[in-house]
Amino acid sequence: MRLSELSGKEIVDVKKAERLGILGQTDLEINENGQIVALIIPSVKWFGFKKNGSEIRVPWRHIKKIGTDMIIIDIPDVHYEEKS
């Protein structure tokens, strides 16, 4: 799958039933082989403004399904990695 095919898809957490962001407004963590390791999703406050320095790191292994409109993730609560 190409990066352009992923761009614009909503990222949805299946456990929390919550929209985390849109791919394209997130950063990708890529290893030296060019593989995506994780999605880095900025936390959003009221009215779409970003919280200062706060973001969620979603390891690639927690992506369960990539559909036509969204990416479904399933992150165990203990693995939610918030960076500040």
PDB file of N, CA and C in Angstrom:
ATOM      1  N   MET A   1       0.842  -1.176   0.000  1.00  0.00           N
ATOM      2  CA  MET A   1       0.000   0.000   0.000  1.00  0.00           C
ATOM      3  C   MET A   1       0.888   1.239   0.000  1.00  0.00           C
ATOM      4  N   ARG A   2       0.525   2.194  -0.777  1.00  0.00           N
ATOM      5  CA  ARG A   2       1.284   3.441  -0.871  1.00  0.00           C
ATOM      6  C   ARG A   2       0.831   4.441   0.194  1.00  0.00           C
ATOM      7  N   LEU A   3       1.744   5.322   0.555  1.00  0.00           N
ATOM      8  CA  LEU A   3       1.436   6.346   1.541  1.00  0.00           C
ATOM      9  C   LEU A   3       0.284   7.227   1.065  1.00  0.00           C
ATOM     10  N   SER A   4       0.224   7.515  -0.223  1.00  0.00           N
ATOM     11  CA  SER A   4      -0.862   8.351  -0.751  1.00  0.00           C
ATOM     12  C   SER A   4      -2.225   7.689  -0.565  1.00  0.00           C
ATOM     13  N   GLU A   5      -2.272   6.358  -0.520  1.00  0.00           N
ATOM     14  CA  GLU A   5      -3.525   5.642  -0.294  1.00  0.00           C
ATOM     15  C   GLU A   5      -3.965   5.724   1.172  1.00  0.00           C
ATOM     16  N   LEU A   6      -3.016   5.914   2.079  1.00  0.00           N
ATOM     17  CA  LEU A   6      -3.322   6.031   3.503  1.00  0.00           C
ATOM     18  C   LEU A   6      -3.751   7.445   3.890  1.00  0.00           C
ATOM     19  N   SER A   7      -3.246   8.423   3.169  1.00  0.00           N
ATOM     20  CA  SER A   7      -3.483   9.817   3.507  1.00  0.00           C
ATOM     21  C   SER A   7      -4.975  10.158   3.486  1.00  0.00           C
ATOM     22  N   GLY A   8      -5.413  10.874   4.498  1.00  0.00           N
ATOM     23  CA  GLY A   8      -6.796  11.327   4.580  1.00  0.00           C
ATOM     24  C   GLY A   8      -7.730  10.387   5.317  1.00  0.00           C
ATOM     25  N   LYS A   9      -7.246   9.215   5.708  1.00  0.00           N
ATOM     26  CA  LYS A   9      -8.095   8.264   6.426  1.00  0.00           C
ATOM     27  C   LYS A   9      -8.182   8.642   7.907  1.00  0.00           C
ATOM     28  N   GLU A  10      -9.375   8.467   8.479  1.00  0.00           N
ATOM     29  CA  GLU A  10      -9.557   8.717   9.901  1.00  0.00           C
ATOM     30  C   GLU A  10      -8.939   7.579  10.699  1.00  0.00           C
ATOM     31  N   ILE A  11      -8.357   7.907  11.842  1.00  0.00           N
ATOM     32  CA  ILE A  11      -7.789   6.909  12.744  1.00  0.00           C
ATOM     33  C   ILE A  11      -8.757   6.768  13.912  1.00  0.00           C
ATOM     34  N   VAL A  12      -9.284   5.544  14.092  1.00  0.00           N
ATOM     35  CA  VAL A  12     -10.309   5.301  15.103  1.00  0.00           C
ATOM     36  C   VAL A  12      -9.833   4.215  16.067  1.00  0.00           C
ATOM     37  N   ASP A  13      -9.947   4.494  17.364  1.00  0.00           N
ATOM     38  CA  ASP A  13      -9.615   3.522  18.404  1.00  0.00           C
ATOM     39  C   ASP A  13     -10.860   2.690  18.684  1.00  0.00           C
ATOM     40  N   VAL A  14     -10.793   1.394  18.429  1.00  0.00           N
ATOM     41  CA  VAL A  14     -11.950   0.515  18.568  1.00  0.00           C
ATOM     42  C   VAL A  14     -12.392   0.356  20.023  1.00  0.00           C
ATOM     43  N   LYS A  15     -11.467   0.355  20.972  1.00  0.00           N
ATOM     44  CA  LYS A  15     -11.834   0.191  22.386  1.00  0.00           C
ATOM     45  C   LYS A  15     -12.520   1.419  22.954  1.00  0.00           C
ATOM     46  N   LYS A  16     -11.987   2.582  22.645  1.00  0.00           N
ATOM     47  CA  LYS A  16     -12.553   3.816  23.178  1.00  0.00           C
ATOM     48  C   LYS A  16     -13.656   4.381  22.281  1.00  0.00           C
ATOM     49  N   ALA A  17     -13.822   3.782  21.090  1.00  0.00           N
ATOM     50  CA  ALA A  17     -14.807   4.260  20.112  1.00  0.00           C
ATOM     51  C   ALA A  17     -14.647   5.762  19.908  1.00  0.00           C
ATOM     52  N   GLU A  18     -13.397   6.153  19.639  1.00  0.00           N
ATOM     53  CA  GLU A  18     -13.103   7.574  19.518  1.00  0.00           C
ATOM     54  C   GLU A  18     -12.173   7.824  18.344  1.00  0.00           C
ATOM     55  N   ARG A  19     -12.416   8.930  17.681  1.00  0.00           N
ATOM     56  CA  ARG A  19     -11.597   9.362  16.546  1.00  0.00           C
ATOM     57  C   ARG A  19     -10.358  10.046  17.099  1.00  0.00           C
ATOM     58  N   LEU A  20      -9.177   9.562  16.684  1.00  0.00           N
ATOM     59  CA  LEU A  20      -7.925  10.125  17.194  1.00  0.00           C
ATOM     60  C   LEU A  20      -7.326  11.174  16.275  1.00  0.00           C
ATOM     61  N   GLY A  21      -7.659  11.112  15.007  1.00  0.00           N
ATOM     62  CA  GLY A  21      -7.099  12.062  14.056  1.00  0.00           C
ATOM     63  C   GLY A  21      -7.253  11.567  12.635  1.00  0.00           C
ATOM     64  N   ILE A  22      -6.630  12.270  11.736  1.00  0.00           N
ATOM     65  CA  ILE A  22      -6.649  11.919  10.321  1.00  0.00           C
ATOM     66  C   ILE A  22      -5.213  11.740   9.864  1.00  0.00           C
ATOM     67  N   LEU A  23      -4.965  10.639   9.167  1.00  0.00           N
ATOM     68  CA  LEU A  23      -3.613  10.412   8.655  1.00  0.00           C
ATOM     69  C   LEU A  23      -3.318  11.493   7.627  1.00  0.00           C
ATOM     70  N   GLY A  24      -2.259  12.173   7.797  1.00  0.00           N
ATOM     71  CA  GLY A  24      -1.923  13.355   7.014  1.00  0.00           C
ATOM     72  C   GLY A  24      -1.722  14.512   7.980  1.00  0.00           C
ATOM     73  N   GLN A  25      -2.457  14.441   9.107  1.00  0.00           N
ATOM     74  CA  GLN A  25      -2.257  15.399  10.191  1.00  0.00           C
ATOM     75  C   GLN A  25      -1.404  14.752  11.275  1.00  0.00           C
ATOM     76  N   THR A  26      -0.933  13.539  10.997  1.00  0.00           N
ATOM     77  CA  THR A  26      -0.095  12.809  11.937  1.00  0.00           C
ATOM     78  C   THR A  26       1.302  12.677  11.364  1.00  0.00           C
ATOM     79  N   ASP A  27       2.235  12.278  12.209  1.00  0.00           N
ATOM     80  CA  ASP A  27       3.591  11.983  11.760  1.00  0.00           C
ATOM     81  C   ASP A  27       3.760  10.477  11.714  1.00  0.00           C
ATOM     82  N   LEU A  28       4.689  10.029  10.920  1.00  0.00           N
ATOM     83  CA  LEU A  28       5.012   8.614  10.843  1.00  0.00           C
ATOM     84  C   LEU A  28       6.413   8.397  11.388  1.00  0.00           C
ATOM     85  N   GLU A  29       6.588   7.345  12.166  1.00  0.00           N
ATOM     86  CA  GLU A  29       7.915   6.939  12.614  1.00  0.00           C
ATOM     87  C   GLU A  29       8.351   5.830  11.663  1.00  0.00           C
ATOM     88  N   ILE A  30       9.429   6.060  10.940  1.00  0.00           N
ATOM     89  CA  ILE A  30       9.882   5.127   9.909  1.00  0.00           C
ATOM     90  C   ILE A  30      11.283   4.636  10.257  1.00  0.00           C
ATOM     91  N   ASN A  31      11.502   3.316  10.122  1.00  0.00           N
ATOM     92  CA  ASN A  31      12.823   2.762  10.433  1.00  0.00           C
ATOM     93  C   ASN A  31      13.769   2.911   9.243  1.00  0.00           C
ATOM     94  N   GLU A  32      14.991   2.427   9.404  1.00  0.00           N
ATOM     95  CA  GLU A  32      16.012   2.590   8.362  1.00  0.00           C
ATOM     96  C   GLU A  32      15.704   1.794   7.097  1.00  0.00           C
ATOM     97  N   ASN A  33      14.782   0.819   7.177  1.00  0.00           N
ATOM     98  CA  ASN A  33      14.391   0.039   6.004  1.00  0.00           C
ATOM     99  C   ASN A  33      13.204   0.648   5.263  1.00  0.00           C
ATOM    100  N   GLY A  34      12.696   1.769   5.758  1.00  0.00           N
ATOM    101  CA  GLY A  34      11.572   2.445   5.118  1.00  0.00           C
ATOM    102  C   GLY A  34      10.216   1.913   5.545  1.00  0.00           C
ATOM    103  N   GLN A  35      10.193   1.085   6.591  1.00  0.00           N
ATOM    104  CA  GLN A  35       8.935   0.541   7.087  1.00  0.00           C
ATOM    105  C   GLN A  35       8.365   1.457   8.162  1.00  0.00           C
ATOM    106  N   ILE A  36       7.039   1.583   8.179  1.00  0.00           N
ATOM    107  CA  ILE A  36       6.386   2.390   9.201  1.00  0.00           C
ATOM    108  C   ILE A  36       6.399   1.621  10.511  1.00  0.00           C
ATOM    109  N   VAL A  37       6.922   2.245  11.564  1.00  0.00           N
ATOM    110  CA  VAL A  37       7.014   1.634  12.885  1.00  0.00           C
ATOM    111  C   VAL A  37       5.826   2.062  13.743  1.00  0.00           C
ATOM    112  N   ALA A  38       5.436   3.336  13.628  1.00  0.00           N
ATOM    113  CA  ALA A  38       4.361   3.857  14.468  1.00  0.00           C
ATOM    114  C   ALA A  38       3.757   5.108  13.844  1.00  0.00           C
ATOM    115  N   LEU A  39       2.537   5.409  14.261  1.00  0.00           N
ATOM    116  CA  LEU A  39       1.881   6.672  13.931  1.00  0.00           C
ATOM    117  C   LEU A  39       2.020   7.567  15.148  1.00  0.00           C
ATOM    118  N   ILE A  40       2.367   8.818  14.949  1.00  0.00           N
ATOM    119  CA  ILE A  40       2.455   9.792  16.034  1.00  0.00           C
ATOM    120  C   ILE A  40       1.306  10.767  15.828  1.00  0.00           C
ATOM    121  N   ILE A  41       0.319  10.694  16.719  1.00  0.00           N
ATOM    122  CA  ILE A  41      -0.900  11.493  16.564  1.00  0.00           C
ATOM    123  C   ILE A  41      -0.892  12.623  17.585  1.00  0.00           C
ATOM    124  N   PRO A  42      -0.933  13.878  17.121  1.00  0.00           N
ATOM    125  CA  PRO A  42      -0.988  14.995  18.067  1.00  0.00           C
ATOM    126  C   PRO A  42      -2.334  15.000  18.782  1.00  0.00           C
ATOM    127  N   SER A  43      -2.322  15.233  20.096  1.00  0.00           N
ATOM    128  CA  SER A  43      -3.572  15.361  20.853  1.00  0.00           C
ATOM    129  C   SER A  43      -4.180  16.715  20.531  1.00  0.00           C
ATOM    130  N   VAL A  44      -5.497  16.704  20.353  1.00  0.00           N
ATOM    131  CA  VAL A  44      -6.180  17.932  19.955  1.00  0.00           C
ATOM    132  C   VAL A  44      -7.073  18.408  21.088  1.00  0.00           C
ATOM    133  N   LYS A  45      -7.003  19.699  21.346  1.00  0.00           N
ATOM    134  CA  LYS A  45      -7.848  20.329  22.347  1.00  0.00           C
ATOM    135  C   LYS A  45      -9.106  20.858  21.677  1.00  0.00           C
ATOM    136  N   TRP A  46      -9.826  21.648  22.380  1.00  0.00           N
ATOM    137  CA  TRP A  46     -11.043  22.285  21.897  1.00  0.00           C
ATOM    138  C   TRP A  46     -10.792  23.105  20.632  1.00  0.00           C
ATOM    139  N   PHE A  47     -11.680  23.076  19.691  1.00  0.00           N
ATOM    140  CA  PHE A  47     -11.628  23.829  18.437  1.00  0.00           C
ATOM    141  C   PHE A  47     -10.455  23.454  17.544  1.00  0.00           C
ATOM    142  N   GLY A  48      -9.901  22.256  17.726  1.00  0.00           N
ATOM    143  CA  GLY A  48      -8.857  21.769  16.828  1.00  0.00           C
ATOM    144  C   GLY A  48      -7.456  22.250  17.118  1.00  0.00           C
ATOM    145  N   PHE A  49      -7.256  23.005  18.195  1.00  0.00           N
ATOM    146  CA  PHE A  49      -5.913  23.456  18.533  1.00  0.00           C
ATOM    147  C   PHE A  49      -5.143  22.334  19.214  1.00  0.00           C
ATOM    148  N   LYS A  50      -3.863  22.223  18.913  1.00  0.00           N
ATOM    149  CA  LYS A  50      -3.026  21.186  19.510  1.00  0.00           C
ATOM    150  C   LYS A  50      -2.651  21.541  20.938  1.00  0.00           C
ATOM    151  N   LYS A  51      -2.572  20.510  21.772  1.00  0.00           N
ATOM    152  CA  LYS A  51      -2.006  20.698  23.108  1.00  0.00           C
ATOM    153  C   LYS A  51      -0.502  20.816  22.935  1.00  0.00           C
ATOM    154  N   ASN A  52       0.131  21.588  23.748  1.00  0.00           N
ATOM    155  CA  ASN A  52       1.578  21.778  23.634  1.00  0.00           C
ATOM    156  C   ASN A  52       2.335  20.489  23.893  1.00  0.00           C
ATOM    157  N   GLY A  53       2.989  19.956  22.865  1.00  0.00           N
ATOM    158  CA  GLY A  53       3.868  18.822  23.005  1.00  0.00           C
ATOM    159  C   GLY A  53       3.219  17.486  23.316  1.00  0.00           C
ATOM    160  N   SER A  54       1.900  17.424  23.397  1.00  0.00           N
ATOM    161  CA  SER A  54       1.234  16.183  23.760  1.00  0.00           C
ATOM    162  C   SER A  54       0.872  15.399  22.498  1.00  0.00           C
ATOM    163  N   GLU A  55       1.209  14.117  22.488  1.00  0.00           N
ATOM    164  CA  GLU A  55       0.916  13.282  21.325  1.00  0.00           C
ATOM    165  C   GLU A  55       0.773  11.824  21.757  1.00  0.00           C
ATOM    166  N   ILE A  56       0.144  11.031  20.912  1.00  0.00           N
ATOM    167  CA  ILE A  56      -0.044   9.608  21.173  1.00  0.00           C
ATOM    168  C   ILE A  56       0.758   8.838  20.141  1.00  0.00           C
ATOM    169  N   ARG A  57       1.542   7.864  20.595  1.00  0.00           N
ATOM    170  CA  ARG A  57       2.337   7.012  19.698  1.00  0.00           C
ATOM    171  C   ARG A  57       1.609   5.685  19.559  1.00  0.00           C
ATOM    172  N   VAL A  58       1.226   5.351  18.332  1.00  0.00           N
ATOM    173  CA  VAL A  58       0.508   4.111  18.053  1.00  0.00           C
ATOM    174  C   VAL A  58       1.436   3.173  17.273  1.00  0.00           C
ATOM    175  N   PRO A  59       1.951   2.124  17.918  1.00  0.00           N
ATOM    176  CA  PRO A  59       2.796   1.172  17.203  1.00  0.00           C
ATOM    177  C   PRO A  59       2.031   0.508  16.058  1.00  0.00           C
ATOM    178  N   TRP A  60       2.702   0.246  14.955  1.00  0.00           N
ATOM    179  CA  TRP A  60       2.081  -0.320  13.758  1.00  0.00           C
ATOM    180  C   TRP A  60       1.376  -1.647  14.053  1.00  0.00           C
ATOM    181  N   ARG A  61       1.890  -2.428  14.983  1.00  0.00           N
ATOM    182  CA  ARG A  61       1.297  -3.738  15.285  1.00  0.00           C
ATOM    183  C   ARG A  61      -0.106  -3.622  15.870  1.00  0.00           C
ATOM    184  N   HIS A  62      -0.501  -2.434  16.326  1.00  0.00           N
ATOM    185  CA  HIS A  62      -1.835  -2.235  16.898  1.00  0.00           C
ATOM    186  C   HIS A  62      -2.863  -1.795  15.857  1.00  0.00           C
ATOM    187  N   ILE A  63      -2.448  -1.661  14.621  1.00  0.00           N
ATOM    188  CA  ILE A  63      -3.398  -1.355  13.553  1.00  0.00           C
ATOM    189  C   ILE A  63      -4.060  -2.665  13.154  1.00  0.00           C
ATOM    190  N   LYS A  64      -5.380  -2.714  13.272  1.00  0.00           N
ATOM    191  CA  LYS A  64      -6.111  -3.953  13.026  1.00  0.00           C
ATOM    192  C   LYS A  64      -6.699  -4.021  11.622  1.00  0.00           C
ATOM    193  N   LYS A  65      -7.135  -2.896  11.075  1.00  0.00           N
ATOM    194  CA  LYS A  65      -7.771  -2.906   9.766  1.00  0.00           C
ATOM    195  C   LYS A  65      -7.620  -1.549   9.105  1.00  0.00           C
ATOM    196  N   ILE A  66      -7.284  -1.564   7.818  1.00  0.00           N
ATOM    197  CA  ILE A  66      -7.227  -0.339   7.027  1.00  0.00           C
ATOM    198  C   ILE A  66      -8.324  -0.448   5.995  1.00  0.00           C
ATOM    199  N   GLY A  67      -9.352   0.379   6.134  1.00  0.00           N
ATOM    200  CA  GLY A  67     -10.485   0.371   5.215  1.00  0.00           C
ATOM    201  C   GLY A  67     -10.393   1.492   4.201  1.00  0.00           C
ATOM    202  N   THR A  68     -11.461   1.694   3.462  1.00  0.00           N
ATOM    203  CA  THR A  68     -11.458   2.735   2.434  1.00  0.00           C
ATOM    204  C   THR A  68     -11.484   4.135   3.036  1.00  0.00           C
ATOM    205  N   ASP A  69     -12.106   4.279   4.235  1.00  0.00           N
ATOM    206  CA  ASP A  69     -12.234   5.597   4.849  1.00  0.00           C
ATOM    207  C   ASP A  69     -11.509   5.756   6.178  1.00  0.00           C
ATOM    208  N   MET A  70     -11.180   4.639   6.819  1.00  0.00           N
ATOM    209  CA  MET A  70     -10.594   4.764   8.147  1.00  0.00           C
ATOM    210  C   MET A  70      -9.603   3.650   8.454  1.00  0.00           C
ATOM    211  N   ILE A  71      -8.825   3.908   9.480  1.00  0.00           N
ATOM    212  CA  ILE A  71      -7.856   2.954  10.010  1.00  0.00           C
ATOM    213  C   ILE A  71      -8.318   2.620  11.425  1.00  0.00           C
ATOM    214  N   ILE A  72      -8.570   1.329  11.687  1.00  0.00           N
ATOM    215  CA  ILE A  72      -9.026   0.886  12.999  1.00  0.00           C
ATOM    216  C   ILE A  72      -7.816   0.412  13.794  1.00  0.00           C
ATOM    217  N   ILE A  73      -7.654   0.963  15.000  1.00  0.00           N
ATOM    218  CA  ILE A  73      -6.553   0.546  15.865  1.00  0.00           C
ATOM    219  C   ILE A  73      -7.113  -0.051  17.147  1.00  0.00           C
ATOM    220  N   ASP A  74      -6.357  -0.929  17.761  1.00  0.00           N
ATOM    221  CA  ASP A  74      -6.736  -1.560  19.018  1.00  0.00           C
ATOM    222  C   ASP A  74      -5.501  -1.561  19.916  1.00  0.00           C
ATOM    223  N   ILE A  75      -5.464  -0.610  20.817  1.00  0.00           N
ATOM    224  CA  ILE A  75      -4.312  -0.455  21.701  1.00  0.00           C
ATOM    225  C   ILE A  75      -4.704  -0.870  23.110  1.00  0.00           C
ATOM    226  N   PRO A  76      -4.017  -1.859  23.678  1.00  0.00           N
ATOM    227  CA  PRO A  76      -4.268  -2.176  25.091  1.00  0.00           C
ATOM    228  C   PRO A  76      -3.991  -0.933  25.935  1.00  0.00           C
ATOM    229  N   ASP A  77      -4.807  -0.714  26.951  1.00  0.00           N
ATOM    230  CA  ASP A  77      -4.667   0.488  27.786  1.00  0.00           C
ATOM    231  C   ASP A  77      -3.268   0.674  28.338  1.00  0.00           C
ATOM    232  N   VAL A  78      -2.595  -0.412  28.681  1.00  0.00           N
ATOM    233  CA  VAL A  78      -1.255  -0.291  29.243  1.00  0.00           C
ATOM    234  C   VAL A  78      -0.223   0.118  28.195  1.00  0.00           C
ATOM    235  N   HIS A  79      -0.573   0.016  26.912  1.00  0.00           N
ATOM    236  CA  HIS A  79       0.368   0.369  25.856  1.00  0.00           C
ATOM    237  C   HIS A  79       0.142   1.761  25.276  1.00  0.00           C
ATOM    238  N   TYR A  80      -0.867   2.480  25.807  1.00  0.00           N
ATOM    239  CA  TYR A  80      -1.074   3.846  25.326  1.00  0.00           C
ATOM    240  C   TYR A  80       0.140   4.667  25.701  1.00  0.00           C
ATOM    241  N   GLU A  81       0.878   5.107  24.719  1.00  0.00           N
ATOM    242  CA  GLU A  81       2.136   5.813  24.953  1.00  0.00           C
ATOM    243  C   GLU A  81       1.944   7.287  24.658  1.00  0.00           C
ATOM    244  N   GLU A  82       1.700   8.087  25.690  1.00  0.00           N
ATOM    245  CA  GLU A  82       1.570   9.515  25.496  1.00  0.00           C
ATOM    246  C   GLU A  82       2.902  10.171  25.759  1.00  0.00           C
ATOM    247  N   LYS A  83       3.305  10.997  24.813  1.00  0.00           N
ATOM    248  CA  LYS A  83       4.537  11.775  24.967  1.00  0.00           C
ATOM    249  C   LYS A  83       4.151  13.187  25.372  1.00  0.00           C
ATOM    250  N   SER A  84       4.929  13.781  26.224  1.00  0.00           N
ATOM    251  CA  SER A  84       4.652  15.159  26.642  1.00  0.00           C
ATOM    252  C   SER A  84       5.803  16.055  26.313  1.00  0.00           C
TER     253      SER A  84
END
